Amino acid sequence: MHLNQRERAHHDVPLGIAGGMERFFVNVVAECPYGLDQTAIYHQGVPGRLDEQSMGEFLAYGYRRNGNCIYNMRCPQCSLCVPIRLRPKRLRPNRNQRRVWRKNQDVTVEVAPLTMSRENLNLLQRFLSKRFPAGRSLAESYYSGFFITSISRCFEIRYRIDDRLLGVAVVDGSPSWLNAVYFYFDPELGWRSPGTLNILTLNHFCTSRNIEHLYLGYWIKDLAGMHYKTSFRPHELLRDGTWHDQP
């Protein structure tokens, strides 16, 4: 499938780390992961262990991590997947976000190594069963195929109310960037707005450690489940190879 020069320039492996690395990447055809009625093309590779600077460059070029793969989307008829990130010290929480923060003051936060514990697996399975009622998604496969990695430094942030696990954020991190890989939570506690709480907590984690960028993955304008990401302002969107401020 042909890509024009502008498309190719936008999606190439980052120039600063490209030395021979493009040979690790291939285009993989699949169904759209977001349910759109068109074919998706993943430009993905398994480059091996990346140092923090190299991983940061991939993130800055709009790449994501899935297990030991690095990928971005090269769908020729679609450009709806837009990378989004925050500069944590600039975040101005809105009224609803401040309300979510206040009502969750009883939540404790733990930073720990990535853990495929029975407690985590049970909560993730409940979350997946609620989100995908057909029952084809298994918690174990998410950990083994999606979360666990040797490419970058990965860890988890756990949220608890007393001894009850509210949610778990899977993140990649370095002194200059934090990459939000996945977040799952107790479906019975959705009234606490755990997704909003998670991003506020990740943002606080970054500001307290002088981390410059917080990557939130892709944003799709017409996908309702992603609307919450752009409510965090200001944020930046990657379009035509350049990050643009959205005040």
Protein backbone atom coordinates (compact mmCIF):
# COMPACT_ATOMS: atom_id res chain seq x y z
CA MET A 1 0.00 0.00 0.00
CA HIS A 2 1.49 3.32 -1.13
CA LEU A 3 2.26 6.21 1.21
CA ASN A 4 3.00 9.64 -0.20
CA GLN A 5 6.15 11.51 0.84
CA ARG A 6 4.43 13.68 3.43
CA GLU A 7 2.82 10.68 5.12
CA ARG A 8 6.14 8.85 5.13
CA ALA A 9 7.96 11.77 6.69
CA HIS A 10 5.37 11.98 9.45
CA HIS A 11 5.55 8.29 10.36
CA ASP A 12 9.23 7.38 9.92
CA VAL A 13 11.31 6.00 12.78
CA PRO A 14 12.76 8.97 14.72
CA LEU A 15 15.82 10.30 12.91
CA GLY A 16 17.92 10.53 16.06
CA ILE A 17 17.74 6.75 16.64
CA ALA A 18 17.07 5.43 13.15
CA GLY A 19 20.57 4.03 12.55
CA GLY A 20 19.59 0.66 11.13
CA MET A 21 16.44 0.45 13.26
CA GLU A 22 13.94 0.73 10.39
CA ARG A 23 14.80 -2.87 9.45
CA PHE A 24 13.05 -4.00 12.64
CA PHE A 25 9.73 -2.47 11.51
CA VAL A 26 7.01 -3.92 9.29
CA ASN A 27 3.44 -2.93 8.38
CA VAL A 28 0.81 -5.23 9.89
CA VAL A 29 -2.79 -5.18 8.61
CA ALA A 30 -5.56 -5.66 11.17
CA GLU A 31 -9.08 -4.63 12.09
CA CYS A 32 -9.39 -1.14 13.51
CA PRO A 33 -8.85 -1.46 17.29
CA TYR A 34 -11.35 1.36 17.86
CA GLY A 35 -14.22 -0.21 15.93
CA LEU A 36 -14.07 2.00 12.86
CA ASP A 37 -15.21 0.39 9.63
CA GLN A 38 -11.84 0.32 7.87
CA THR A 39 -8.58 -1.54 7.80
CA ALA A 40 -5.88 -0.52 10.25
CA ILE A 41 -2.16 -0.69 9.50
CA TYR A 42 0.28 -0.88 12.38
CA HIS A 43 3.87 0.16 11.63
CA GLN A 44 5.51 -1.90 14.34
CA GLY A 45 8.80 -3.44 15.34
CA VAL A 46 10.64 -5.17 18.17
CA PRO A 47 13.78 -3.05 18.53
CA GLY A 48 15.03 -4.65 21.75
CA ARG A 49 15.88 -2.81 24.95
CA LEU A 50 15.68 0.97 24.48
CA ASP A 51 17.46 3.50 26.63
CA GLU A 52 15.30 6.24 28.15
CA GLN A 53 16.28 8.84 25.57
CA SER A 54 15.45 6.56 22.63
CA MET A 55 12.10 5.55 24.11
CA GLY A 56 11.37 9.22 24.73
CA GLU A 57 12.09 10.00 21.08
CA PHE A 58 9.70 7.29 19.93
CA LEU A 59 6.97 8.73 22.18
CA ALA A 60 7.68 12.24 20.90
CA TYR A 61 7.19 10.97 17.33
CA GLY A 62 3.79 9.52 18.23
CA TYR A 63 4.76 5.88 18.78
CA ARG A 64 3.14 3.69 21.41
CA ARG A 65 4.24 0.51 23.21
CA ASN A 66 2.45 -2.84 23.18
CA GLY A 67 4.43 -5.46 25.10
CA ASN A 68 7.85 -5.54 23.44
CA CYS A 69 6.56 -3.84 20.26
CA ILE A 70 6.80 -0.18 19.35
CA TYR A 71 4.16 0.95 16.85
CA ASN A 72 2.25 3.79 15.29
CA MET A 73 -0.72 3.87 12.95
CA ARG A 74 -0.20 4.12 9.16
CA CYS A 75 -3.80 3.81 8.04
CA PRO A 76 -3.75 5.42 4.57
CA GLN A 77 -7.40 6.53 4.53
CA CYS A 78 -7.56 7.67 8.15
CA SER A 79 -5.69 10.06 10.43
CA LEU A 80 -8.09 10.05 13.37
CA CYS A 81 -5.61 8.59 15.91
CA VAL A 82 -3.95 11.72 17.29
CA PRO A 83 -1.20 11.41 19.96
CA ILE A 84 -1.90 13.56 23.02
CA ARG A 85 0.37 14.61 25.88
CA LEU A 86 0.47 16.98 28.85
CA ARG A 87 3.18 19.25 30.20
CA PRO A 88 2.38 18.52 33.85
CA LYS A 89 3.42 21.83 35.42
CA ARG A 90 1.09 23.69 33.09
CA LEU A 91 -2.08 21.72 33.87
CA ARG A 92 -5.02 23.83 35.11
CA PRO A 93 -7.65 21.44 36.55
CA ASN A 94 -11.21 22.45 35.77
CA ARG A 95 -14.06 22.51 38.27
CA ASN A 96 -15.05 18.87 37.73
CA GLN A 97 -11.45 17.65 38.01
CA ARG A 98 -10.99 19.56 41.27
CA ARG A 99 -14.22 18.00 42.54
CA VAL A 100 -12.99 14.49 41.63
CA TRP A 101 -9.73 15.16 43.44
CA ARG A 102 -11.54 16.30 46.60
CA LYS A 103 -14.01 13.41 46.75
CA ASN A 104 -11.17 10.85 46.50
CA GLN A 105 -9.09 12.10 49.40
CA ASP A 106 -9.67 8.75 51.13
CA VAL A 107 -7.81 6.93 48.31
CA THR A 108 -4.23 5.87 49.00
CA VAL A 109 -1.67 5.59 46.20
CA GLU A 110 1.12 3.00 45.95
CA VAL A 111 3.97 2.96 43.42
CA ALA A 112 5.27 -0.57 42.86
CA PRO A 113 6.90 -2.88 40.30
CA LEU A 114 4.58 -4.29 37.66
CA THR A 115 2.86 -7.22 39.38
CA MET A 116 0.87 -10.04 37.81
CA SER A 117 -0.71 -10.81 41.19
CA ARG A 118 -3.97 -12.65 41.68
CA GLU A 119 -5.49 -9.46 43.14
CA ASN A 120 -4.54 -7.49 40.02
CA LEU A 121 -5.69 -10.21 37.65
CA ASN A 122 -9.07 -10.55 39.38
CA LEU A 123 -9.71 -6.81 39.16
CA LEU A 124 -8.59 -6.60 35.53
CA GLN A 125 -10.84 -9.54 34.59
CA ARG A 126 -13.83 -7.85 36.20
CA PHE A 127 -13.01 -4.65 34.31
CA LEU A 128 -12.62 -6.47 30.98
CA SER A 129 -15.80 -8.49 31.49
CA LYS A 130 -17.72 -5.25 32.02
CA ARG A 131 -16.08 -3.52 29.06
CA PHE A 132 -16.17 -6.54 26.70
CA PRO A 133 -19.25 -8.57 27.72
CA ALA A 134 -18.61 -11.18 25.00
CA GLY A 135 -15.93 -12.50 27.32
CA ARG A 136 -13.07 -12.99 24.83
CA SER A 137 -10.59 -10.78 26.72
CA LEU A 138 -8.47 -12.47 29.40
CA ALA A 139 -6.53 -10.63 32.10
CA GLU A 140 -3.54 -12.98 31.84
CA SER A 141 -3.14 -12.26 28.12
CA TYR A 142 -3.24 -8.51 28.74
CA TYR A 143 -0.33 -8.82 31.16
CA SER A 144 1.73 -11.27 29.13
CA GLY A 145 1.08 -9.70 25.73
CA PHE A 146 0.50 -6.03 26.43
CA PHE A 147 1.84 -4.84 29.80
CA ILE A 148 5.01 -6.84 30.54
CA THR A 149 7.99 -5.55 28.59
CA SER A 150 11.77 -5.62 28.38
CA ILE A 151 11.87 -2.51 26.17
CA SER A 152 11.45 0.14 28.87
CA ARG A 153 11.15 0.59 32.63
CA CYS A 154 7.56 -0.30 33.46
CA PHE A 155 5.80 -0.10 36.83
CA GLU A 156 2.34 0.29 38.29
CA ILE A 157 0.48 2.79 40.42
CA ARG A 158 -2.19 1.22 42.64
CA TYR A 159 -5.20 2.99 44.12
CA ARG A 160 -6.81 1.65 47.32
CA ILE A 161 -9.67 2.50 49.63
CA ASP A 162 -8.62 0.86 52.88
CA ASP A 163 -7.81 -2.70 51.71
CA ARG A 164 -9.96 -2.57 48.58
CA LEU A 165 -8.18 -2.18 45.24
CA LEU A 166 -9.83 0.66 43.30
CA GLY A 167 -7.62 0.63 40.21
CA VAL A 168 -4.19 0.07 38.70
CA ALA A 169 -2.29 2.25 36.24
CA VAL A 170 0.40 0.56 34.13
CA VAL A 171 3.04 3.13 33.15
CA ASP A 172 6.47 3.40 31.56
CA GLY A 173 8.71 6.01 33.10
CA SER A 174 11.95 7.95 33.03
CA PRO A 175 13.23 11.20 34.62
CA SER A 176 11.94 13.19 31.62
CA TRP A 177 8.72 11.44 30.51
CA LEU A 178 5.91 9.21 31.74
CA ASN A 179 3.91 7.01 29.37
CA ALA A 180 0.40 5.93 30.40
CA VAL A 181 0.09 2.39 29.00
CA TYR A 182 -3.24 1.25 30.50
CA PHE A 183 -5.58 1.86 33.40
CA TYR A 184 -8.22 -0.50 34.79
CA PHE A 185 -10.51 -0.09 37.77
CA ASP A 186 -13.31 -1.59 39.83
CA PRO A 187 -16.51 -1.24 37.72
CA GLU A 188 -18.57 -0.86 40.90
CA LEU A 189 -16.66 2.31 41.81
CA GLY A 190 -17.10 4.17 38.56
CA TRP A 191 -18.97 6.92 40.44
CA ARG A 192 -15.58 8.02 41.79
CA SER A 193 -14.45 8.93 38.23
CA PRO A 194 -11.31 6.80 38.58
CA GLY A 195 -10.06 7.63 35.06
CA THR A 196 -9.95 11.33 35.89
CA LEU A 197 -8.39 10.59 39.28
CA ASN A 198 -5.71 8.52 37.59
CA ILE A 199 -4.61 11.27 35.18
CA LEU A 200 -4.60 13.85 37.97
CA THR A 201 -2.44 11.51 40.06
CA LEU A 202 -0.06 10.79 37.18
CA ASN A 203 0.21 14.51 36.58
CA HIS A 204 0.99 15.09 40.28
CA PHE A 205 3.57 12.28 40.12
CA CYS A 206 5.25 14.10 37.24
CA THR A 207 5.23 17.57 38.80
CA SER A 208 6.71 16.27 42.05
CA ARG A 209 9.61 14.73 40.08
CA ASN A 210 10.07 17.47 37.45
CA ILE A 211 9.03 15.10 34.65
CA GLU A 212 8.49 17.18 31.52
CA HIS A 213 5.97 15.15 29.49
CA LEU A 214 3.02 12.88 30.32
CA TYR A 215 1.92 10.84 27.29
CA LEU A 216 -1.75 9.80 27.29
CA GLY A 217 -1.77 7.67 24.13
CA TYR A 218 -4.14 8.36 21.25
CA TRP A 219 -7.15 10.66 21.14
CA ILE A 220 -9.95 10.21 18.58
CA LYS A 221 -12.29 13.18 18.26
CA ASP A 222 -15.53 11.27 17.66
CA LEU A 223 -14.89 8.42 20.11
CA ALA A 224 -16.87 9.19 23.25
CA GLY A 225 -14.64 7.06 25.47
CA MET A 226 -11.69 9.35 24.72
CA HIS A 227 -13.36 12.73 25.30
CA TYR A 228 -12.05 12.94 28.87
CA LYS A 229 -8.44 13.22 27.65
CA THR A 230 -8.90 16.61 26.03
CA SER A 231 -10.62 17.99 29.15
CA PHE A 232 -7.14 18.22 30.69
CA ARG A 233 -5.88 21.62 29.62
CA PRO A 234 -3.65 22.83 28.28
CA HIS A 235 -2.64 19.75 26.31
CA GLU A 236 -0.68 19.12 23.13
CA LEU A 237 -1.73 17.20 20.00
CA LEU A 238 0.70 15.77 17.43
CA ARG A 239 -0.38 16.77 13.92
CA ASP A 240 1.77 16.68 10.77
CA GLY A 241 4.83 15.83 12.84
CA THR A 242 4.52 18.83 15.20
CA TRP A 243 3.10 19.11 18.70
CA HIS A 244 0.45 21.85 18.83
CA ASP A 245 -0.73 23.60 22.02
CA GLN A 246 -4.42 23.32 22.82
CA PRO A 247 -5.01 25.94 25.55
